[in-house]
């Protein structure tokens, strides 16, 4: 799964996604595992989609 693809039907808020991202980095001195890096990329992609959905087009 590419980092830009997000599971259909995902309805997490930006706050929930940010909290999940912060939780992955709770110990910044410890490097992330491959699985954690994949999760981080997925969360960031989902957050980008949520943020784009919150943008209102200017008139």
N, C-alpha and C. Protein backbone atom coordinates (compact mmCIF):
# COMPACT_ATOMS: atom_id res chain seq x y z
N UNK A 1 0.84 -1.17 0.00
CA UNK A 1 0.00 0.00 0.00
C UNK A 1 0.89 1.23 0.00
N UNK A 2 0.61 2.18 -0.90
CA UNK A 2 1.44 3.38 -0.96
C UNK A 2 1.04 4.31 0.17
N UNK A 3 1.97 5.19 0.60
CA UNK A 3 1.65 6.11 1.68
C UNK A 3 0.52 7.07 1.32
N UNK A 4 0.26 7.27 0.01
CA UNK A 4 -0.79 8.19 -0.39
C UNK A 4 -2.16 7.54 -0.46
N UNK A 5 -2.21 6.22 -0.35
CA UNK A 5 -3.52 5.58 -0.38
C UNK A 5 -4.01 5.42 1.05
N UNK A 6 -5.27 5.75 1.24
CA UNK A 6 -5.86 5.71 2.56
C UNK A 6 -7.08 4.82 2.51
N UNK A 7 -7.27 4.06 3.56
CA UNK A 7 -8.40 3.15 3.63
C UNK A 7 -9.71 3.91 3.47
N UNK A 8 -10.56 3.45 2.57
CA UNK A 8 -11.85 4.08 2.36
C UNK A 8 -12.67 3.98 3.64
N UNK A 9 -13.42 5.03 3.93
CA UNK A 9 -14.28 5.02 5.10
C UNK A 9 -13.60 5.47 6.37
N UNK A 10 -12.31 5.79 6.29
CA UNK A 10 -11.60 6.26 7.47
C UNK A 10 -12.16 7.62 7.87
N UNK A 11 -12.52 7.77 9.14
CA UNK A 11 -13.17 8.99 9.58
C UNK A 11 -12.52 9.52 10.85
N UNK A 12 -11.22 9.45 10.92
CA UNK A 12 -10.54 9.99 12.10
C UNK A 12 -10.34 11.48 11.91
N UNK A 13 -10.39 12.20 13.00
CA UNK A 13 -10.17 13.65 12.94
C UNK A 13 -8.67 13.94 12.89
N UNK A 14 -8.36 15.18 12.52
CA UNK A 14 -6.97 15.61 12.50
C UNK A 14 -6.35 15.48 13.90
N UNK A 15 -7.13 15.78 14.94
CA UNK A 15 -6.62 15.67 16.32
C UNK A 15 -6.28 14.22 16.66
N UNK A 16 -7.13 13.29 16.25
CA UNK A 16 -6.86 11.87 16.51
C UNK A 16 -5.62 11.40 15.76
N UNK A 17 -5.49 11.83 14.51
CA UNK A 17 -4.33 11.44 13.71
C UNK A 17 -3.05 12.04 14.28
N UNK A 18 -3.11 13.31 14.69
CA UNK A 18 -1.93 13.94 15.30
C UNK A 18 -1.53 13.22 16.58
N UNK A 19 -2.51 12.81 17.37
CA UNK A 19 -2.20 12.09 18.61
C UNK A 19 -1.53 10.76 18.30
N UNK A 20 -1.99 10.07 17.28
CA UNK A 20 -1.38 8.79 16.90
C UNK A 20 0.05 9.00 16.40
N UNK A 21 0.26 10.07 15.64
CA UNK A 21 1.61 10.39 15.15
C UNK A 21 2.53 10.72 16.32
N UNK A 22 2.05 11.55 17.24
CA UNK A 22 2.87 11.89 18.43
C UNK A 22 3.20 10.65 19.25
N UNK A 23 2.26 9.73 19.35
CA UNK A 23 2.49 8.51 20.13
C UNK A 23 3.63 7.68 19.52
N UNK A 24 3.73 7.67 18.20
CA UNK A 24 4.83 6.93 17.56
C UNK A 24 6.18 7.55 17.92
N UNK A 25 6.22 8.85 18.10
CA UNK A 25 7.46 9.57 18.38
C UNK A 25 7.62 9.87 19.86
N UNK A 26 7.00 9.09 20.73
CA UNK A 26 7.05 9.38 22.17
C UNK A 26 8.46 9.28 22.74
N UNK A 27 9.34 8.55 22.08
CA UNK A 27 10.74 8.44 22.50
C UNK A 27 11.63 8.79 21.32
N UNK A 28 11.81 10.10 21.05
CA UNK A 28 12.51 10.52 19.84
C UNK A 28 13.95 10.02 19.72
N UNK A 29 14.57 9.66 20.83
CA UNK A 29 15.94 9.18 20.77
C UNK A 29 16.02 7.72 20.30
N UNK A 30 14.88 7.02 20.25
CA UNK A 30 14.83 5.62 19.82
C UNK A 30 14.33 5.59 18.38
N UNK A 31 15.11 5.05 17.44
CA UNK A 31 14.67 5.01 16.04
C UNK A 31 13.40 4.16 15.87
N UNK A 32 12.59 4.56 14.90
CA UNK A 32 11.38 3.80 14.60
C UNK A 32 11.73 2.51 13.88
N UNK A 33 10.94 1.49 14.13
CA UNK A 33 11.10 0.23 13.41
C UNK A 33 10.53 0.41 11.99
N UNK A 34 10.78 -0.56 11.13
CA UNK A 34 10.22 -0.50 9.78
C UNK A 34 8.69 -0.42 9.83
N UNK A 35 8.08 -1.20 10.71
CA UNK A 35 6.63 -1.18 10.85
C UNK A 35 6.11 0.16 11.33
N UNK A 36 6.83 0.77 12.27
CA UNK A 36 6.43 2.08 12.77
C UNK A 36 6.58 3.16 11.70
N UNK A 37 7.64 3.06 10.89
CA UNK A 37 7.81 4.01 9.80
C UNK A 37 6.68 3.88 8.79
N UNK A 38 6.26 2.66 8.50
CA UNK A 38 5.14 2.43 7.58
C UNK A 38 3.85 3.02 8.15
N UNK A 39 3.64 2.82 9.45
CA UNK A 39 2.45 3.36 10.12
C UNK A 39 2.49 4.89 10.09
N UNK A 40 3.67 5.47 10.33
CA UNK A 40 3.83 6.92 10.30
C UNK A 40 3.47 7.46 8.91
N UNK A 41 3.96 6.82 7.86
CA UNK A 41 3.66 7.25 6.50
C UNK A 41 2.16 7.16 6.22
N UNK A 42 1.53 6.09 6.69
CA UNK A 42 0.08 5.92 6.48
C UNK A 42 -0.71 7.00 7.23
N UNK A 43 -0.32 7.26 8.47
CA UNK A 43 -0.99 8.29 9.26
C UNK A 43 -0.83 9.67 8.62
N UNK A 44 0.35 9.97 8.13
CA UNK A 44 0.59 11.26 7.48
C UNK A 44 -0.26 11.40 6.21
N UNK A 45 -0.37 10.33 5.44
CA UNK A 45 -1.20 10.36 4.23
C UNK A 45 -2.67 10.58 4.60
N UNK A 46 -3.12 9.91 5.65
CA UNK A 46 -4.50 10.07 6.09
C UNK A 46 -4.73 11.50 6.58
N UNK A 47 -3.77 12.05 7.30
CA UNK A 47 -3.88 13.41 7.80
C UNK A 47 -3.95 14.40 6.64
N UNK A 48 -3.13 14.20 5.61
CA UNK A 48 -3.18 15.08 4.44
C UNK A 48 -4.57 15.07 3.81
N UNK A 49 -5.17 13.89 3.72
CA UNK A 49 -6.51 13.80 3.14
C UNK A 49 -7.54 14.52 4.00
N UNK A 50 -7.44 14.35 5.31
CA UNK A 50 -8.37 15.02 6.22
C UNK A 50 -8.20 16.53 6.10
N UNK A 51 -6.96 16.99 6.06
CA UNK A 51 -6.70 18.42 5.96
C UNK A 51 -7.23 18.98 4.64
N UNK A 52 -7.05 18.25 3.54
CA UNK A 52 -7.58 18.70 2.25
C UNK A 52 -9.10 18.78 2.27
N UNK A 53 -9.72 17.85 2.98
CA UNK A 53 -11.18 17.85 3.07
C UNK A 53 -11.71 19.02 3.87
N UNK A 54 -10.86 19.62 4.72
CA UNK A 54 -11.29 20.76 5.54
C UNK A 54 -11.06 22.10 4.85
N UNK A 55 -10.47 22.08 3.65
CA UNK A 55 -10.20 23.31 2.94
C UNK A 55 -11.44 23.72 2.16
N UNK A 56 -11.84 24.95 2.33
CA UNK A 56 -13.00 25.48 1.60
C UNK A 56 -12.47 26.33 0.46
N UNK A 57 -12.97 26.06 -0.76
CA UNK A 57 -12.51 26.81 -1.91
C UNK A 57 -12.95 28.27 -1.82
N UNK A 58 -12.04 29.16 -2.16
CA UNK A 58 -12.37 30.59 -2.16
C UNK A 58 -13.26 30.89 -3.36
N UNK A 59 -14.12 31.88 -3.19
CA UNK A 59 -15.05 32.26 -4.28
C UNK A 59 -14.34 33.01 -5.37
